[in-house]
């Protein structure tokens, strides 16, 4: 996995650890705890968006010598924010390969898709001033599934592609 994705994941993992400690503190107001969970939800959604964009950009950059105008187009397309809903991720992956989209779609169908969709739906509620009833326990499970989605996007875009670049990897837990 890319170093900057791992760094962002590690930072978010640390925040989840802090939130777990916060949840156990009886003297902390439940509203404060809920607000921290909402913050984590927004960060989890941003993590997926950042990671998918980074994985696809790295792939494009590895192919730039063959098609610099295409690389430029995709770079500009990926500059803009997107809600990392499963359908949107599949649309982006489909821009590269319909086979990648089909494989990834099968891999994330079901629980992973539902979890990621829940993160994004709650993130949108929170961002638009609505009340979210997401709990720390549910968000923790959704986040673990979101990490799996990022891993699957990475594997689909790199390991199954003969022309994929040799990327720096680190072991992550």
Protein backbone atom coordinates (compact mmCIF):
# COMPACT_ATOMS: atom_id res chain seq x y z
CA UNK A 1 0.00 0.00 0.00
CA UNK A 2 1.17 3.55 -0.61
CA UNK A 3 3.03 5.22 2.22
CA UNK A 4 0.69 8.24 2.39
CA UNK A 5 -2.36 5.97 2.54
CA UNK A 6 -0.78 3.97 5.35
CA UNK A 7 0.08 7.18 7.21
CA UNK A 8 -3.49 8.41 6.92
CA UNK A 9 -4.81 5.02 7.98
CA UNK A 10 -2.46 4.93 10.98
CA UNK A 11 -3.58 8.41 12.06
CA UNK A 12 -7.22 7.40 11.75
CA UNK A 13 -6.59 4.15 13.63
CA UNK A 14 -5.07 6.21 16.44
CA UNK A 15 -8.16 8.44 16.51
CA UNK A 16 -10.37 5.35 16.74
CA UNK A 17 -8.27 4.14 19.69
CA UNK A 18 -8.71 7.53 21.37
CA UNK A 19 -12.44 7.44 20.70
CA UNK A 20 -12.69 4.01 22.27
CA UNK A 21 -11.04 5.36 25.42
CA UNK A 22 -13.39 8.34 25.34
CA UNK A 23 -16.44 6.07 25.09
CA UNK A 24 -15.42 4.43 28.39
CA UNK A 25 -15.23 7.75 30.27
CA UNK A 26 -18.44 8.20 32.27
CA UNK A 27 -17.66 11.80 33.11
CA UNK A 28 -17.60 12.78 29.43
CA UNK A 29 -20.94 14.03 28.15
CA UNK A 30 -22.68 11.73 25.66
CA UNK A 31 -23.02 14.64 23.22
CA UNK A 32 -19.24 15.10 23.17
CA UNK A 33 -18.83 11.39 22.51
CA UNK A 34 -21.36 11.53 19.67
CA UNK A 35 -19.65 14.56 18.13
CA UNK A 36 -16.33 12.71 18.12
CA UNK A 37 -17.95 9.73 16.41
CA UNK A 38 -19.36 12.11 13.80
CA UNK A 39 -15.87 13.54 13.26
CA UNK A 40 -14.51 10.01 12.82
CA UNK A 41 -17.24 9.25 10.30
CA UNK A 42 -16.24 12.26 8.21
CA UNK A 43 -12.57 11.27 8.47
CA UNK A 44 -13.34 7.65 7.51
CA UNK A 45 -15.18 8.83 4.39
CA UNK A 46 -12.30 11.17 3.53
CA UNK A 47 -9.82 8.33 4.03
CA UNK A 48 -11.61 6.17 1.44
CA UNK A 49 -11.90 9.06 -1.02
CA UNK A 50 -8.23 9.99 -0.60
CA UNK A 51 -7.06 6.38 -0.88
CA UNK A 52 -9.04 5.52 -4.01
CA UNK A 53 -7.90 8.73 -5.68
CA UNK A 54 -4.26 8.07 -4.70
CA UNK A 55 -4.32 4.48 -5.96
CA UNK A 56 -5.79 5.49 -9.31
CA UNK A 57 -3.47 8.48 -9.72
CA UNK A 58 -0.44 6.31 -9.03
CA UNK A 59 -1.58 3.88 -11.70
CA UNK A 60 -2.06 6.71 -14.20
CA UNK A 61 1.35 8.15 -13.43
CA UNK A 62 2.91 4.74 -14.03
CA UNK A 63 1.33 4.72 -17.49
CA UNK A 64 2.04 8.38 -18.35
CA UNK A 65 4.97 7.67 -20.66
CA UNK A 66 2.63 5.73 -22.96
CA UNK A 67 -0.28 8.17 -22.99
CA UNK A 68 0.56 11.53 -21.39
CA UNK A 69 -2.66 13.19 -22.59
CA UNK A 70 -4.75 10.41 -21.04
CA UNK A 71 -2.79 10.69 -17.80
CA UNK A 72 -3.41 14.44 -17.78
CA UNK A 73 -7.15 13.90 -18.32
CA UNK A 74 -7.46 11.38 -15.50
CA UNK A 75 -5.37 13.54 -13.16
CA UNK A 76 -7.79 16.42 -13.73
CA UNK A 77 -10.83 14.16 -13.39
CA UNK A 78 -9.60 12.84 -10.05
CA UNK A 79 -8.78 16.30 -8.65
CA UNK A 80 -12.41 16.83 -7.71
CA UNK A 81 -13.96 15.48 -4.53
CA UNK A 82 -16.46 12.67 -4.70
CA UNK A 83 -18.59 10.83 -2.20
CA UNK A 84 -16.85 7.46 -2.04
CA UNK A 85 -20.05 5.46 -2.37
CA UNK A 86 -19.50 1.96 -3.74
CA UNK A 87 -21.24 2.87 -7.00
CA UNK A 88 -18.99 5.93 -7.48
CA UNK A 89 -15.85 3.92 -6.80
CA UNK A 90 -16.97 1.34 -9.35
CA UNK A 91 -17.65 4.12 -11.88
CA UNK A 92 -14.13 5.47 -11.41
CA UNK A 93 -12.55 2.03 -11.67
CA UNK A 94 -14.61 1.38 -14.81
CA UNK A 95 -12.86 4.35 -16.45
CA UNK A 96 -9.75 2.20 -16.34
CA UNK A 97 -11.08 -1.28 -16.96
CA UNK A 98 -14.50 -2.89 -17.11
CA UNK A 99 -12.83 -6.09 -15.87
CA UNK A 100 -11.52 -4.24 -12.80
CA UNK A 101 -15.03 -2.92 -12.19
CA UNK A 102 -16.60 -6.37 -12.46
CA UNK A 103 -14.00 -7.98 -10.20
CA UNK A 104 -14.16 -5.21 -7.63
CA UNK A 105 -17.96 -5.17 -7.77
CA UNK A 106 -18.05 -8.86 -6.92
CA UNK A 107 -15.48 -8.38 -4.13
CA UNK A 108 -17.26 -5.53 -2.37
CA UNK A 109 -20.84 -6.67 -2.96
CA UNK A 110 -22.78 -7.24 0.23
CA UNK A 111 -21.43 -6.31 3.64
CA UNK A 112 -18.48 -4.23 2.43
CA UNK A 113 -20.70 -2.21 0.12
CA UNK A 114 -23.31 -1.71 2.82
CA UNK A 115 -20.71 -0.58 5.35
CA UNK A 116 -19.11 1.90 2.98
CA UNK A 117 -22.52 3.17 1.93
CA UNK A 118 -23.41 3.69 5.60
CA UNK A 119 -20.25 5.71 6.23
CA UNK A 120 -21.00 7.96 3.26
CA UNK A 121 -24.71 8.34 4.07
CA UNK A 122 -23.91 9.30 7.67
CA UNK A 123 -21.11 11.61 6.53
CA UNK A 124 -23.56 13.39 4.23
CA UNK A 125 -26.12 13.75 7.03
CA UNK A 126 -23.50 15.20 9.35
CA UNK A 127 -22.07 17.53 6.70
CA UNK A 128 -25.55 18.90 5.95
CA UNK A 129 -26.43 19.53 9.58
CA UNK A 130 -28.69 16.55 10.09
CA UNK A 131 -28.59 14.28 13.11
CA UNK A 132 -26.84 10.96 12.65
CA UNK A 133 -27.56 8.06 14.96
CA UNK A 134 -24.34 6.24 14.14
CA UNK A 135 -22.67 4.72 17.16
CA UNK A 136 -19.00 4.18 17.81
CA UNK A 137 -19.41 0.40 17.69
CA UNK A 138 -21.17 0.47 14.31
CA UNK A 139 -18.73 2.99 12.86
CA UNK A 140 -15.78 0.89 14.00
CA UNK A 141 -17.12 -2.09 12.05
CA UNK A 142 -17.90 0.05 9.02
CA UNK A 143 -14.39 1.52 9.11
CA UNK A 144 -12.80 -1.95 9.20
CA UNK A 145 -14.84 -2.82 6.11
CA UNK A 146 -13.84 0.47 4.44
CA UNK A 147 -10.18 -0.43 4.97
CA UNK A 148 -10.87 -3.74 3.23
CA UNK A 149 -12.46 -1.88 0.30
CA UNK A 150 -9.34 0.28 -0.06
CA UNK A 151 -7.18 -2.85 -0.01
CA UNK A 152 -9.34 -4.47 -2.69
CA UNK A 153 -9.17 -1.37 -4.93
CA UNK A 154 -5.40 -1.38 -4.56
CA UNK A 155 -5.12 -5.07 -5.38
CA UNK A 156 -7.46 -4.82 -8.36
CA UNK A 157 -5.64 -1.85 -9.85
CA UNK A 158 -2.14 -3.17 -9.25
CA UNK A 159 -1.70 -6.86 -8.58
CA UNK A 160 -3.87 -8.14 -11.42
CA UNK A 161 -2.37 -5.77 -13.95
CA UNK A 162 0.74 -7.00 -15.75
CA UNK A 163 1.81 -3.41 -16.45
CA UNK A 164 1.33 -2.24 -12.87
CA UNK A 165 4.18 -0.31 -11.28
CA UNK A 166 6.32 -1.73 -8.54
CA UNK A 167 5.06 0.32 -5.62
CA UNK A 168 6.55 0.82 -2.20
CA UNK A 169 4.72 -1.36 0.24
CA UNK A 170 4.72 -1.65 3.97
CA UNK A 171 3.19 -4.21 6.19
CA UNK A 172 0.20 -2.79 7.99
CA UNK A 173 -1.90 -4.38 10.64
